[in-house]
Amino acid sequence: LNKPRHVVSAMHDPEGRRDLTEFTERYDQ
């Protein structure tokens, strides 16, 4: 993944910021 700026390296962010789920949900695994 080419992680953009202002994305949290986590599967969920309590503060509501962009996280990695939008990239992992592209795959069935």
mmCIF file of all heavy atoms, coordinates in Angstrom:
data_MODEL
# 
_entry.id   MODEL 
# 
loop_
_atom_site.group_PDB 
_atom_site.id 
_atom_site.type_symbol 
_atom_site.label_atom_id 
_atom_site.label_alt_id 
_atom_site.label_comp_id 
_atom_site.label_asym_id 
_atom_site.label_entity_id 
_atom_site.label_seq_id 
_atom_site.pdbx_PDB_ins_code 
_atom_site.Cartn_x 
_atom_site.Cartn_y 
_atom_site.Cartn_z 
_atom_site.occupancy 
_atom_site.B_iso_or_equiv 
_atom_site.pdbx_formal_charge 
_atom_site.auth_seq_id 
_atom_site.auth_comp_id 
_atom_site.auth_asym_id 
_atom_site.auth_atom_id 
_atom_site.pdbx_PDB_model_num 
ATOM 1   N N   . LEU A 1 1  ? 0.855   -1.185  0.000  1.00 0.00 ? 1  LEU A N   1 
ATOM 2   C CA  . LEU A 1 1  ? 0.000   0.000   0.000  1.00 0.00 ? 1  LEU A CA  1 
ATOM 3   C C   . LEU A 1 1  ? 0.890   1.234   0.000  1.00 0.00 ? 1  LEU A C   1 
ATOM 4   O O   . LEU A 1 1  ? 1.857   1.295   0.762  1.00 0.00 ? 1  LEU A O   1 
ATOM 5   C CB  . LEU A 1 1  ? -0.896  0.032   1.243  1.00 0.00 ? 1  LEU A CB  1 
ATOM 6   C CG  . LEU A 1 1  ? -1.572  1.376   1.575  1.00 0.00 ? 1  LEU A CG  1 
ATOM 7   C CD1 . LEU A 1 1  ? -2.619  1.732   0.535  1.00 0.00 ? 1  LEU A CD1 1 
ATOM 8   C CD2 . LEU A 1 1  ? -2.174  1.347   2.985  1.00 0.00 ? 1  LEU A CD2 1 
ATOM 9   N N   . ASN A 1 2  ? 0.580   2.198   -0.843 1.00 0.00 ? 2  ASN A N   1 
ATOM 10  C CA  . ASN A 1 2  ? 1.202   3.515   -0.728 1.00 0.00 ? 2  ASN A CA  1 
ATOM 11  C C   . ASN A 1 2  ? 0.306   4.329   0.191  1.00 0.00 ? 2  ASN A C   1 
ATOM 12  O O   . ASN A 1 2  ? -0.681  4.917   -0.236 1.00 0.00 ? 2  ASN A O   1 
ATOM 13  C CB  . ASN A 1 2  ? 1.345   4.192   -2.085 1.00 0.00 ? 2  ASN A CB  1 
ATOM 14  C CG  . ASN A 1 2  ? 2.116   5.509   -2.004 1.00 0.00 ? 2  ASN A CG  1 
ATOM 15  O OD1 . ASN A 1 2  ? 2.369   6.023   -0.916 1.00 0.00 ? 2  ASN A OD1 1 
ATOM 16  N ND2 . ASN A 1 2  ? 2.474   6.058   -3.151 1.00 0.00 ? 2  ASN A ND2 1 
ATOM 17  N N   . LYS A 1 3  ? 0.652   4.308   1.474  1.00 0.00 ? 3  LYS A N   1 
ATOM 18  C CA  . LYS A 1 3  ? -0.192  4.995   2.471  1.00 0.00 ? 3  LYS A CA  1 
ATOM 19  C C   . LYS A 1 3  ? -0.133  6.503   2.266  1.00 0.00 ? 3  LYS A C   1 
ATOM 20  O O   . LYS A 1 3  ? 0.945   7.098   2.280  1.00 0.00 ? 3  LYS A O   1 
ATOM 21  C CB  . LYS A 1 3  ? 0.263   4.662   3.894  1.00 0.00 ? 3  LYS A CB  1 
ATOM 22  C CG  . LYS A 1 3  ? -0.664  5.246   4.977  1.00 0.00 ? 3  LYS A CG  1 
ATOM 23  C CD  . LYS A 1 3  ? -0.083  5.134   6.351  1.00 0.00 ? 3  LYS A CD  1 
ATOM 24  C CE  . LYS A 1 3  ? 0.770   6.297   6.738  1.00 0.00 ? 3  LYS A CE  1 
ATOM 25  N NZ  . LYS A 1 3  ? 0.055   7.580   6.915  1.00 0.00 ? 3  LYS A NZ  1 
ATOM 26  N N   . PRO A 1 4  ? -1.275  7.143   2.071  1.00 0.00 ? 4  PRO A N   1 
ATOM 27  C CA  . PRO A 1 4  ? -1.274  8.609   1.950  1.00 0.00 ? 4  PRO A CA  1 
ATOM 28  C C   . PRO A 1 4  ? -0.989  9.265   3.301  1.00 0.00 ? 4  PRO A C   1 
ATOM 29  O O   . PRO A 1 4  ? -1.101  8.643   4.360  1.00 0.00 ? 4  PRO A O   1 
ATOM 30  C CB  . PRO A 1 4  ? -2.700  8.926   1.475  1.00 0.00 ? 4  PRO A CB  1 
ATOM 31  C CG  . PRO A 1 4  ? -3.293  7.623   1.051  1.00 0.00 ? 4  PRO A CG  1 
ATOM 32  C CD  . PRO A 1 4  ? -2.618  6.578   1.872  1.00 0.00 ? 4  PRO A CD  1 
ATOM 33  N N   . ARG A 1 5  ? -0.646  10.536  3.254  1.00 0.00 ? 5  ARG A N   1 
ATOM 34  C CA  . ARG A 1 5  ? -0.551  11.322  4.491  1.00 0.00 ? 5  ARG A CA  1 
ATOM 35  C C   . ARG A 1 5  ? -1.927  11.422  5.124  1.00 0.00 ? 5  ARG A C   1 
ATOM 36  O O   . ARG A 1 5  ? -2.959  11.289  4.468  1.00 0.00 ? 5  ARG A O   1 
ATOM 37  C CB  . ARG A 1 5  ? -0.018  12.720  4.204  1.00 0.00 ? 5  ARG A CB  1 
ATOM 38  C CG  . ARG A 1 5  ? 1.426   12.775  3.741  1.00 0.00 ? 5  ARG A CG  1 
ATOM 39  C CD  . ARG A 1 5  ? 1.834   14.214  3.489  1.00 0.00 ? 5  ARG A CD  1 
ATOM 40  N NE  . ARG A 1 5  ? 1.874   14.986  4.739  1.00 0.00 ? 5  ARG A NE  1 
ATOM 41  C CZ  . ARG A 1 5  ? 1.844   16.324  4.793  1.00 0.00 ? 5  ARG A CZ  1 
ATOM 42  N NH1 . ARG A 1 5  ? 1.733   17.029  3.667  1.00 0.00 ? 5  ARG A NH1 1 
ATOM 43  N NH2 . ARG A 1 5  ? 1.915   16.951  5.948  1.00 0.00 ? 5  ARG A NH2 1 
ATOM 44  N N   . HIS A 1 6  ? -1.934  11.659  6.421  1.00 0.00 ? 6  HIS A N   1 
ATOM 45  C CA  . HIS A 1 6  ? -3.161  11.854  7.191  1.00 0.00 ? 6  HIS A CA  1 
ATOM 46  C C   . HIS A 1 6  ? -4.051  10.612  7.166  1.00 0.00 ? 6  HIS A C   1 
ATOM 47  O O   . HIS A 1 6  ? -5.276  10.702  7.098  1.00 0.00 ? 6  HIS A O   1 
ATOM 48  C CB  . HIS A 1 6  ? -3.923  13.093  6.691  1.00 0.00 ? 6  HIS A CB  1 
ATOM 49  C CG  . HIS A 1 6  ? -3.114  14.342  6.796  1.00 0.00 ? 6  HIS A CG  1 
ATOM 50  N ND1 . HIS A 1 6  ? -3.380  15.470  6.036  1.00 0.00 ? 6  HIS A ND1 1 
ATOM 51  C CD2 . HIS A 1 6  ? -2.027  14.651  7.561  1.00 0.00 ? 6  HIS A CD2 1 
ATOM 52  C CE1 . HIS A 1 6  ? -2.497  16.405  6.332  1.00 0.00 ? 6  HIS A CE1 1 
ATOM 53  N NE2 . HIS A 1 6  ? -1.661  15.933  7.257  1.00 0.00 ? 6  HIS A NE2 1 
ATOM 54  N N   . VAL A 1 7  ? -3.399  9.447   7.204  1.00 0.00 ? 7  VAL A N   1 
ATOM 55  C CA  . VAL A 1 7  ? -4.080  8.170   7.395  1.00 0.00 ? 7  VAL A CA  1 
ATOM 56  C C   . VAL A 1 7  ? -3.410  7.487   8.576  1.00 0.00 ? 7  VAL A C   1 
ATOM 57  O O   . VAL A 1 7  ? -2.183  7.411   8.653  1.00 0.00 ? 7  VAL A O   1 
ATOM 58  C CB  . VAL A 1 7  ? -3.993  7.272   6.146  1.00 0.00 ? 7  VAL A CB  1 
ATOM 59  C CG1 . VAL A 1 7  ? -4.534  5.868   6.452  1.00 0.00 ? 7  VAL A CG1 1 
ATOM 60  C CG2 . VAL A 1 7  ? -4.766  7.883   4.982  1.00 0.00 ? 7  VAL A CG2 1 
ATOM 61  N N   . VAL A 1 8  ? -4.215  6.999   9.522  1.00 0.00 ? 8  VAL A N   1 
ATOM 62  C CA  . VAL A 1 8  ? -3.693  6.337   10.706 1.00 0.00 ? 8  VAL A CA  1 
ATOM 63  C C   . VAL A 1 8  ? -3.341  4.890   10.368 1.00 0.00 ? 8  VAL A C   1 
ATOM 64  O O   . VAL A 1 8  ? -4.114  4.195   9.713  1.00 0.00 ? 8  VAL A O   1 
ATOM 65  C CB  . VAL A 1 8  ? -4.731  6.367   11.849 1.00 0.00 ? 8  VAL A CB  1 
ATOM 66  C CG1 . VAL A 1 8  ? -4.210  5.645   13.082 1.00 0.00 ? 8  VAL A CG1 1 
ATOM 67  C CG2 . VAL A 1 8  ? -5.094  7.798   12.189 1.00 0.00 ? 8  VAL A CG2 1 
ATOM 68  N N   . SER A 1 9  ? -2.167  4.435   10.808 1.00 0.00 ? 9  SER A N   1 
ATOM 69  C CA  . SER A 1 9  ? -1.749  3.043   10.587 1.00 0.00 ? 9  SER A CA  1 
ATOM 70  C C   . SER A 1 9  ? -2.423  2.136   11.610 1.00 0.00 ? 9  SER A C   1 
ATOM 71  O O   . SER A 1 9  ? -1.787  1.588   12.520 1.00 0.00 ? 9  SER A O   1 
ATOM 72  C CB  . SER A 1 9  ? -0.229  2.921   10.669 1.00 0.00 ? 9  SER A CB  1 
ATOM 73  O OG  . SER A 1 9  ? 0.400   3.586   9.598  1.00 0.00 ? 9  SER A OG  1 
ATOM 74  N N   . ALA A 1 10 ? -3.731  1.999   11.475 1.00 0.00 ? 10 ALA A N   1 
ATOM 75  C CA  . ALA A 1 10 ? -4.526  1.177   12.382 1.00 0.00 ? 10 ALA A CA  1 
ATOM 76  C C   . ALA A 1 10 ? -5.794  0.776   11.643 1.00 0.00 ? 10 ALA A C   1 
ATOM 77  O O   . ALA A 1 10 ? -6.169  1.397   10.637 1.00 0.00 ? 10 ALA A O   1 
ATOM 78  C CB  . ALA A 1 10 ? -4.865  1.939   13.662 1.00 0.00 ? 10 ALA A CB  1 
ATOM 79  N N   . MET A 1 11 ? -6.439  -0.287  12.143 1.00 0.00 ? 11 MET A N   1 
ATOM 80  C CA  . MET A 1 11 ? -7.676  -0.737  11.517 1.00 0.00 ? 11 MET A CA  1 
ATOM 81  C C   . MET A 1 11 ? -8.883  0.052   12.019 1.00 0.00 ? 11 MET A C   1 
ATOM 82  O O   . MET A 1 11 ? -9.962  -0.052  11.452 1.00 0.00 ? 11 MET A O   1 
ATOM 83  C CB  . MET A 1 11 ? -7.874  -2.238  11.771 1.00 0.00 ? 11 MET A CB  1 
ATOM 84  C CG  . MET A 1 11 ? -6.688  -3.103  11.366 1.00 0.00 ? 11 MET A CG  1 
ATOM 85  S SD  . MET A 1 11 ? -6.051  -2.743  9.695  1.00 0.00 ? 11 MET A SD  1 
ATOM 86  C CE  . MET A 1 11 ? -7.455  -3.200  8.692  1.00 0.00 ? 11 MET A CE  1 
ATOM 87  N N   . HIS A 1 12 ? -8.684  0.837   13.071 1.00 0.00 ? 12 HIS A N   1 
ATOM 88  C CA  . HIS A 1 12 ? -9.765  1.691   13.580 1.00 0.00 ? 12 HIS A CA  1 
ATOM 89  C C   . HIS A 1 12 ? -9.131  2.837   14.357 1.00 0.00 ? 12 HIS A C   1 
ATOM 90  O O   . HIS A 1 12 ? -8.144  2.643   15.081 1.00 0.00 ? 12 HIS A O   1 
ATOM 91  C CB  . HIS A 1 12 ? -10.708 0.908   14.489 1.00 0.00 ? 12 HIS A CB  1 
ATOM 92  C CG  . HIS A 1 12 ? -11.725 1.772   15.174 1.00 0.00 ? 12 HIS A CG  1 
ATOM 93  N ND1 . HIS A 1 12 ? -12.770 2.378   14.489 1.00 0.00 ? 12 HIS A ND1 1 
ATOM 94  C CD2 . HIS A 1 12 ? -11.842 2.141   16.481 1.00 0.00 ? 12 HIS A CD2 1 
ATOM 95  C CE1 . HIS A 1 12 ? -13.483 3.079   15.352 1.00 0.00 ? 12 HIS A CE1 1 
ATOM 96  N NE2 . HIS A 1 12 ? -12.944 2.956   16.557 1.00 0.00 ? 12 HIS A NE2 1 
ATOM 97  N N   . ASP A 1 13 ? -9.675  4.023   14.205 1.00 0.00 ? 13 ASP A N   1 
ATOM 98  C CA  . ASP A 1 13 ? -9.162  5.175   14.937 1.00 0.00 ? 13 ASP A CA  1 
ATOM 99  C C   . ASP A 1 13 ? -10.282 5.760   15.793 1.00 0.00 ? 13 ASP A C   1 
ATOM 100 O O   . ASP A 1 13 ? -11.315 6.180   15.264 1.00 0.00 ? 13 ASP A O   1 
ATOM 101 C CB  . ASP A 1 13 ? -8.635  6.237   13.981 1.00 0.00 ? 13 ASP A CB  1 
ATOM 102 C CG  . ASP A 1 13 ? -8.087  7.443   14.728 1.00 0.00 ? 13 ASP A CG  1 
ATOM 103 O OD1 . ASP A 1 13 ? -7.187  7.243   15.564 1.00 0.00 ? 13 ASP A OD1 1 
ATOM 104 O OD2 . ASP A 1 13 ? -8.574  8.565   14.508 1.00 0.00 ? 13 ASP A OD2 1 
ATOM 105 N N   . PRO A 1 14 ? -10.115 5.796   17.113 1.00 0.00 ? 14 PRO A N   1 
ATOM 106 C CA  . PRO A 1 14 ? -11.165 6.332   17.999 1.00 0.00 ? 14 PRO A CA  1 
ATOM 107 C C   . PRO A 1 14 ? -11.504 7.782   17.700 1.00 0.00 ? 14 PRO A C   1 
ATOM 108 O O   . PRO A 1 14 ? -12.617 8.237   18.000 1.00 0.00 ? 14 PRO A O   1 
ATOM 109 C CB  . PRO A 1 14 ? -10.556 6.192   19.400 1.00 0.00 ? 14 PRO A CB  1 
ATOM 110 C CG  . PRO A 1 14 ? -9.487  5.144   19.265 1.00 0.00 ? 14 PRO A CG  1 
ATOM 111 C CD  . PRO A 1 14 ? -8.957  5.292   17.873 1.00 0.00 ? 14 PRO A CD  1 
ATOM 112 N N   . GLU A 1 15 ? -10.566 8.522   17.089 1.00 0.00 ? 15 GLU A N   1 
ATOM 113 C CA  . GLU A 1 15 ? -10.809 9.933   16.794 1.00 0.00 ? 15 GLU A CA  1 
ATOM 114 C C   . GLU A 1 15 ? -11.532 10.132  15.462 1.00 0.00 ? 15 GLU A C   1 
ATOM 115 O O   . GLU A 1 15 ? -11.815 11.267  15.079 1.00 0.00 ? 15 GLU A O   1 
ATOM 116 C CB  . GLU A 1 15 ? -9.493  10.701  16.790 1.00 0.00 ? 15 GLU A CB  1 
ATOM 117 C CG  . GLU A 1 15 ? -8.751  10.653  18.123 1.00 0.00 ? 15 GLU A CG  1 
ATOM 118 C CD  . GLU A 1 15 ? -7.438  11.404  18.076 1.00 0.00 ? 15 GLU A CD  1 
ATOM 119 O OE1 . GLU A 1 15 ? -7.309  12.306  17.210 1.00 0.00 ? 15 GLU A OE1 1 
ATOM 120 O OE2 . GLU A 1 15 ? -6.544  11.101  18.875 1.00 0.00 ? 15 GLU A OE2 1 
ATOM 121 N N   . GLY A 1 16 ? -11.798 9.047   14.760 1.00 0.00 ? 16 GLY A N   1 
ATOM 122 C CA  . GLY A 1 16 ? -12.553 9.150   13.522 1.00 0.00 ? 16 GLY A CA  1 
ATOM 123 C C   . GLY A 1 16 ? -11.741 9.548   12.304 1.00 0.00 ? 16 GLY A C   1 
ATOM 124 O O   . GLY A 1 16 ? -12.305 9.871   11.258 1.00 0.00 ? 16 GLY A O   1 
ATOM 125 N N   . ARG A 1 17 ? -10.420 9.500   12.403 1.00 0.00 ? 17 ARG A N   1 
ATOM 126 C CA  . ARG A 1 17 ? -9.580  9.833   11.252 1.00 0.00 ? 17 ARG A CA  1 
ATOM 127 C C   . ARG A 1 17 ? -9.539  8.669   10.261 1.00 0.00 ? 17 ARG A C   1 
ATOM 128 O O   . ARG A 1 17 ? -9.932  7.538   10.590 1.00 0.00 ? 17 ARG A O   1 
ATOM 129 C CB  . ARG A 1 17 ? -8.165  10.181  11.721 1.00 0.00 ? 17 ARG A CB  1 
ATOM 130 C CG  . ARG A 1 17 ? -8.080  11.431  12.583 1.00 0.00 ? 17 ARG A CG  1 
ATOM 131 C CD  . ARG A 1 17 ? -6.685  11.614  13.171 1.00 0.00 ? 17 ARG A CD  1 
ATOM 132 N NE  . ARG A 1 17 ? -6.342  10.543  14.092 1.00 0.00 ? 17 ARG A NE  1 
ATOM 133 C CZ  . ARG A 1 17 ? -5.188  10.467  14.754 1.00 0.00 ? 17 ARG A CZ  1 
ATOM 134 N NH1 . ARG A 1 17 ? -4.267  11.405  14.573 1.00 0.00 ? 17 ARG A NH1 1 
ATOM 135 N NH2 . ARG A 1 17 ? -4.955  9.464   15.587 1.00 0.00 ? 17 ARG A NH2 1 
ATOM 136 N N   . ARG A 1 18 ? -9.082  8.930   9.045  1.00 0.00 ? 18 ARG A N   1 
ATOM 137 C CA  . ARG A 1 18 ? -8.956  7.874   8.041  1.00 0.00 ? 18 ARG A CA  1 
ATOM 138 C C   . ARG A 1 18 ? -8.041  6.769   8.571  1.00 0.00 ? 18 ARG A C   1 
ATOM 139 O O   . ARG A 1 18 ? -6.981  7.041   9.133  1.00 0.00 ? 18 ARG A O   1 
ATOM 140 C CB  . ARG A 1 18 ? -8.370  8.414   6.728  1.00 0.00 ? 18 ARG A CB  1 
ATOM 141 C CG  . ARG A 1 18 ? -9.284  9.331   5.946  1.00 0.00 ? 18 ARG A CG  1 
ATOM 142 C CD  . ARG A 1 18 ? -8.566  9.820   4.693  1.00 0.00 ? 18 ARG A CD  1 
ATOM 143 N NE  . ARG A 1 18 ? -8.376  8.768   3.705  1.00 0.00 ? 18 ARG A NE  1 
ATOM 144 C CZ  . ARG A 1 18 ? -7.644  8.913   2.598  1.00 0.00 ? 18 ARG A CZ  1 
ATOM 145 N NH1 . ARG A 1 18 ? -7.001  10.062  2.367  1.00 0.00 ? 18 ARG A NH1 1 
ATOM 146 N NH2 . ARG A 1 18 ? -7.531  7.928   1.728  1.00 0.00 ? 18 ARG A NH2 1 
ATOM 147 N N   . ASP A 1 19 ? -8.478  5.521   8.382  1.00 0.00 ? 19 ASP A N   1 
ATOM 148 C CA  . ASP A 1 19 ? -7.648  4.397   8.812  1.00 0.00 ? 19 ASP A CA  1 
ATOM 149 C C   . ASP A 1 19 ? -7.445  3.454   7.627  1.00 0.00 ? 19 ASP A C   1 
ATOM 150 O O   . ASP A 1 19 ? -7.768  3.794   6.487  1.00 0.00 ? 19 ASP A O   1 
ATOM 151 C CB  . ASP A 1 19 ? -8.264  3.679   10.016 1.00 0.00 ? 19 ASP A CB  1 
ATOM 152 C CG  . ASP A 1 19 ? -9.689  3.197   9.732  1.00 0.00 ? 19 ASP A CG  1 
ATOM 153 O OD1 . ASP A 1 19 ? -9.953  2.741   8.596  1.00 0.00 ? 19 ASP A OD1 1 
ATOM 154 O OD2 . ASP A 1 19 ? -10.539 3.270   10.649 1.00 0.00 ? 19 ASP A OD2 1 
ATOM 155 N N   . LEU A 1 20 ? -6.913  2.272   7.893  1.00 0.00 ? 20 LEU A N   1 
ATOM 156 C CA  . LEU A 1 20 ? -6.514  1.359   6.815  1.00 0.00 ? 20 LEU A CA  1 
ATOM 157 C C   . LEU A 1 20 ? -7.650  0.500   6.291  1.00 0.00 ? 20 LEU A C   1 
ATOM 158 O O   . LEU A 1 20 ? -7.466  -0.217  5.314  1.00 0.00 ? 20 LEU A O   1 
ATOM 159 C CB  . LEU A 1 20 ? -5.375  0.459   7.307  1.00 0.00 ? 20 LEU A CB  1 
ATOM 160 C CG  . LEU A 1 20 ? -4.079  1.183   7.696  1.00 0.00 ? 20 LEU A CG  1 
ATOM 161 C CD1 . LEU A 1 20 ? -3.070  0.187   8.246  1.00 0.00 ? 20 LEU A CD1 1 
ATOM 162 C CD2 . LEU A 1 20 ? -3.498  1.933   6.498  1.00 0.00 ? 20 LEU A CD2 1 
ATOM 163 N N   . THR A 1 21 ? -8.812  0.557   6.905  1.00 0.00 ? 21 THR A N   1 
ATOM 164 C CA  . THR A 1 21 ? -9.899  -0.313  6.459  1.00 0.00 ? 21 THR A CA  1 
ATOM 165 C C   . THR A 1 21 ? -10.348 0.002   5.043  1.00 0.00 ? 21 THR A C   1 
ATOM 166 O O   . THR A 1 21 ? -10.779 -0.888  4.316  1.00 0.00 ? 21 THR A O   1 
ATOM 167 C CB  . THR A 1 21 ? -11.104 -0.216  7.410  1.00 0.00 ? 21 THR A CB  1 
ATOM 168 O OG1 . THR A 1 21 ? -11.500 1.161   7.536  1.00 0.00 ? 21 THR A OG1 1 
ATOM 169 C CG2 . THR A 1 21 ? -10.759 -0.771  8.778  1.00 0.00 ? 21 THR A CG2 1 
ATOM 170 N N   . GLU A 1 22 ? -10.240 1.252   4.630  1.00 0.00 ? 22 GLU A N   1 
ATOM 171 C CA  . GLU A 1 22 ? -10.663 1.585   3.266  1.00 0.00 ? 22 GLU A CA  1 
ATOM 172 C C   . GLU A 1 22 ? -9.775  0.932   2.212  1.00 0.00 ? 22 GLU A C   1 
ATOM 173 O O   . GLU A 1 22 ? -10.162 0.796   1.055  1.00 0.00 ? 22 GLU A O   1 
ATOM 174 C CB  . GLU A 1 22 ? -10.686 3.104   3.056  1.00 0.00 ? 22 GLU A CB  1 
ATOM 175 C CG  . GLU A 1 22 ? -9.321  3.772   3.042  1.00 0.00 ? 22 GLU A CG  1 
ATOM 176 C CD  . GLU A 1 22 ? -9.415  5.257   2.731  1.00 0.00 ? 22 GLU A CD  1 
ATOM 177 O OE1 . GLU A 1 22 ? -9.376  5.610   1.539  1.00 0.00 ? 22 GLU A OE1 1 
ATOM 178 O OE2 . GLU A 1 22 ? -9.541  6.061   3.693  1.00 0.00 ? 22 GLU A OE2 1 
ATOM 179 N N   . PHE A 1 23 ? -8.573  0.508   2.607  1.00 0.00 ? 23 PHE A N   1 
ATOM 180 C CA  . PHE A 1 23 ? -7.671  -0.162  1.677  1.00 0.00 ? 23 PHE A CA  1 
ATOM 181 C C   . PHE A 1 23 ? -7.748  -1.677  1.809  1.00 0.00 ? 23 PHE A C   1 
ATOM 182 O O   . PHE A 1 23 ? -7.677  -2.392  0.808  1.00 0.00 ? 23 PHE A O   1 
ATOM 183 C CB  . PHE A 1 23 ? -6.231  0.315   1.920  1.00 0.00 ? 23 PHE A CB  1 
ATOM 184 C CG  . PHE A 1 23 ? -6.106  1.810   1.984  1.00 0.00 ? 23 PHE A CG  1 
ATOM 185 C CD1 . PHE A 1 23 ? -5.850  2.450   3.181  1.00 0.00 ? 23 PHE A CD1 1 
ATOM 186 C CD2 . PHE A 1 23 ? -6.278  2.587   0.840  1.00 0.00 ? 23 PHE A CD2 1 
ATOM 187 C CE1 . PHE A 1 23 ? -5.730  3.835   3.255  1.00 0.00 ? 23 PHE A CE1 1 
ATOM 188 C CE2 . PHE A 1 23 ? -6.186  3.966   0.895  1.00 0.00 ? 23 PHE A CE2 1 
ATOM 189 C CZ  . PHE A 1 23 ? -5.909  4.590   2.103  1.00 0.00 ? 23 PHE A CZ  1 
ATOM 190 N N   . THR A 1 24 ? -7.935  -2.187  3.037  1.00 0.00 ? 24 THR A N   1 
ATOM 191 C CA  . THR A 1 24 ? -8.007  -3.636  3.222  1.00 0.00 ? 24 THR A CA  1 
ATOM 192 C C   . THR A 1 24 ? -9.340  -4.208  2.743  1.00 0.00 ? 24 THR A C   1 
ATOM 193 O O   . THR A 1 24 ? -9.405  -5.382  2.373  1.00 0.00 ? 24 THR A O   1 
ATOM 194 C CB  . THR A 1 24 ? -7.801  -4.015  4.697  1.00 0.00 ? 24 THR A CB  1 
ATOM 195 O OG1 . THR A 1 24 ? -8.799  -3.382  5.498  1.00 0.00 ? 24 THR A OG1 1 
ATOM 196 C CG2 . THR A 1 24 ? -6.423  -3.559  5.172  1.00 0.00 ? 24 THR A CG2 1 
ATOM 197 N N   . GLU A 1 25 ? -10.401 -3.403  2.724  1.00 0.00 ? 25 GLU A N   1 
ATOM 198 C CA  . GLU A 1 25 ? -11.707 -3.918  2.311  1.00 0.00 ? 25 GLU A CA  1 
ATOM 199 C C   . GLU A 1 25 ? -11.760 -4.211  0.819  1.00 0.00 ? 25 GLU A C   1 
ATOM 200 O O   . GLU A 1 25 ? -12.720 -4.801  0.332  1.00 0.00 ? 25 GLU A O   1 
ATOM 201 C CB  . GLU A 1 25 ? -12.810 -2.928  2.692  1.00 0.00 ? 25 GLU A CB  1 
ATOM 202 C CG  . GLU A 1 25 ? -12.785 -1.622  1.915  1.00 0.00 ? 25 GLU A CG  1 
ATOM 203 C CD  . GLU A 1 25 ? -13.845 -0.641  2.369  1.00 0.00 ? 25 GLU A CD  1 
ATOM 204 O OE1 . GLU A 1 25 ? -14.538 -0.938  3.371  1.00 0.00 ? 25 GLU A OE1 1 
ATOM 205 O OE2 . GLU A 1 25 ? -13.979 0.407   1.725  1.00 0.00 ? 25 GLU A OE2 1 
ATOM 206 N N   . ARG A 1 26 ? -10.715 -3.857  0.085  1.00 0.00 ? 26 ARG A N   1 
ATOM 207 C CA  . ARG A 1 26 ? -10.656 -4.193  -1.336 1.00 0.00 ? 26 ARG A CA  1 
ATOM 208 C C   . ARG A 1 26 ? -10.445 -5.693  -1.556 1.00 0.00 ? 26 ARG A C   1 
ATOM 209 O O   . ARG A 1 26 ? -10.614 -6.191  -2.653 1.00 0.00 ? 26 ARG A O   1 
ATOM 210 C CB  . ARG A 1 26 ? -9.505  -3.430  -2.000 1.00 0.00 ? 26 ARG A CB  1 
ATOM 211 C CG  . ARG A 1 26 ? -9.590  -1.928  -1.847 1.00 0.00 ? 26 ARG A CG  1 
ATOM 212 C CD  . ARG A 1 26 ? -8.343  -1.249  -2.349 1.00 0.00 ? 26 ARG A CD  1 
ATOM 213 N NE  . ARG A 1 26 ? -8.410  0.195   -2.106 1.00 0.00 ? 26 ARG A NE  1 
ATOM 214 C CZ  . ARG A 1 26 ? -7.458  1.049   -2.394 1.00 0.00 ? 26 ARG A CZ  1 
ATOM 215 N NH1 . ARG A 1 26 ? -6.324  0.608   -2.923 1.00 0.00 ? 26 ARG A NH1 1 
ATOM 216 N NH2 . ARG A 1 26 ? -7.613  2.340   -2.151 1.00 0.00 ? 26 ARG A NH2 1 
ATOM 217 N N   . TYR A 1 27 ? -10.039 -6.400  -0.505 1.00 0.00 ? 27 TYR A N   1 
ATOM 218 C CA  . TYR A 1 27 ? -9.689  -7.809  -0.617 1.00 0.00 ? 27 TYR A CA  1 
ATOM 219 C C   . TYR A 1 27 ? -10.609 -8.658  0.243  1.00 0.00 ? 27 TYR A C   1 
ATOM 220 O O   . TYR A 1 27 ? -11.058 -8.229  1.308  1.00 0.00 ? 27 TYR A O   1 
ATOM 221 C CB  . TYR A 1 27 ? -8.227  -8.024  -0.196 1.00 0.00 ? 27 TYR A CB  1 
ATOM 222 C CG  . TYR A 1 27 ? -7.247  -7.228  -1.043 1.00 0.00 ? 27 TYR A CG  1 
ATOM 223 C CD1 . TYR A 1 27 ? -6.870  -5.942  -0.654 1.00 0.00 ? 27 TYR A CD1 1 
ATOM 224 C CD2 . TYR A 1 27 ? -6.746  -7.743  -2.225 1.00 0.00 ? 27 TYR A CD2 1 
ATOM 225 C CE1 . TYR A 1 27 ? -5.993  -5.201  -1.434 1.00 0.00 ? 27 TYR A CE1 1 
ATOM 226 C CE2 . TYR A 1 27 ? -5.875  -7.002  -3.009 1.00 0.00 ? 27 TYR A CE2 1 
ATOM 227 C CZ  . TYR A 1 27 ? -5.504  -5.737  -2.610 1.00 0.00 ? 27 TYR A CZ  1 
ATOM 228 O OH  . TYR A 1 27 ? -4.651  -4.994  -3.398 1.00 0.00 ? 27 TYR A OH  1 
ATOM 229 N N   . ASP A 1 28 ? -10.875 -9.875  -0.214 1.00 0.00 ? 28 ASP A N   1 
ATOM 230 C CA  . ASP A 1 28 ? -11.721 -10.782 0.557  1.00 0.00 ? 28 ASP A CA  1 
ATOM 231 C C   . ASP A 1 28 ? -10.989 -11.312 1.785  1.00 0.00 ? 28 ASP A C   1 
ATOM 232 O O   . ASP A 1 28 ? -11.608 -11.613 2.802  1.00 0.00 ? 28 ASP A O   1 
ATOM 233 C CB  . ASP A 1 28 ? -12.176 -11.954 -0.320 1.00 0.00 ? 28 ASP A CB  1 
ATOM 234 C CG  . ASP A 1 28 ? -13.176 -11.504 -1.383 1.00 0.00 ? 28 ASP A CG  1 
ATOM 235 O OD1 . ASP A 1 28 ? -13.855 -10.490 -1.165 1.00 0.00 ? 28 ASP A OD1 1 
ATOM 236 O OD2 . ASP A 1 28 ? -13.265 -12.168 -2.430 1.00 0.00 ? 28 ASP A OD2 1 
ATOM 237 N N   . GLN A 1 29 ? -9.656  -11.446 1.689  1.00 0.00 ? 29 GLN A N   1 
ATOM 238 C CA  . GLN A 1 29 ? -8.881  -11.866 2.845  1.00 0.00 ? 29 GLN A CA  1 
ATOM 239 C C   . GLN A 1 29 ? -8.858  -10.763 3.900  1.00 0.00 ? 29 GLN A C   1 
ATOM 240 O O   . GLN A 1 29 ? -8.905  -9.589  3.573  1.00 0.00 ? 29 GLN A O   1 
ATOM 241 C CB  . GLN A 1 29 ? -7.443  -12.213 2.446  1.00 0.00 ? 29 GLN A CB  1 
ATOM 242 C CG  . GLN A 1 29 ? -7.313  -13.485 1.636  1.00 0.00 ? 29 GLN A CG  1 
ATOM 243 C CD  . GLN A 1 29 ? -7.499  -13.224 0.156  1.00 0.00 ? 29 GLN A CD  1 
ATOM 244 O OE1 . GLN A 1 29 ? -8.066  -12.201 -0.233 1.00 0.00 ? 29 GLN A OE1 1 
ATOM 245 N NE2 . GLN A 1 29 ? -7.019  -14.120 -0.671 1.00 0.00 ? 29 GLN A NE2 1 
# 
